[in-house]
């Protein structure tokens, strides 16, 4: 009787009144049977301890060997904008100041955190990590992100009036221009950069992507400014990558604090690949995405 009543209540989700009618006893009897089922161990109720964002941050740092991580509780809405505050804290903790070079990537995450506001760090040099694109969507407008970021910081913007992807000849011509060379030369001096992580092409809506057909054919878990990787961090070159006007993976690896901004569980594998490739060494994210990253790491077979 104890077992049957417990199964009906906890597994079949029947109310105590309905169980009483079904087995022909009083509701009070059903209540006593359920209490006894718990007392003798037929029913075990467990309340899971939820890790705090700070604890998850420490776990992420240890699991991915990151320099820094900042995790926030996933809010009901506006999660990307909510990442601006922890991002600002990381920038201040890094000790950046006048003359420090901050690289800015493109994408929705970058747009939202820049619009939400960055801390005042007067005199910083703010530089785009890649050239521009013809797409009209707001998350492609990288020079605008640079302007806004510099305005918030009290810094100096350096714009890149050159295409993201061009022919080989045009690329060389652009890179020989003094104004373009002044901006791209700052990539070797970056103390910090802020980048988004791209979705795998299989689930990325066409309107959100600037990818060529060759890029779309890659079996990548994600990308950083169109440098694609698998989950082990192995680079996945594509026809046209050598024609990009963009910071190189090596320049990202040499950056003191390369921060990935992400709040999408589908990008968890991409974050892992980007970290293992060395293109980011810090992560600002929410608990849902952080837990998805940690779940993948736990389930991966040991090397």
Foldseek 3Di string as FASTA:
>chain_A
DLLVLCCCCVPVVDDLCVVCVVVVHDSVVSVVSPVVCVVVVVDDDDDDDDDAQVRLFVVLCVLLVFPGEGAAAQDPDDFLCVLLVVVQVVVVVLVDAAPAEEEEEFADSLVNSLVSAHAAHARYEYAYQFEADPQPDPRRPRQVSQVSNCVRHNYHYQYAHDHQFDDPVVLVVSCPDPSNVVRLVCLLRHQEYEWEKAAQLVPDDPSRDPDDPQLNPDRFRTDTSSFTFHLQLHTDDTPRPVRGGGRDLVSLLPHNAYEYEDEDLSSLSRVNNCSNVSNGRYYRYYPNNSVSNVVVSVPDDDD
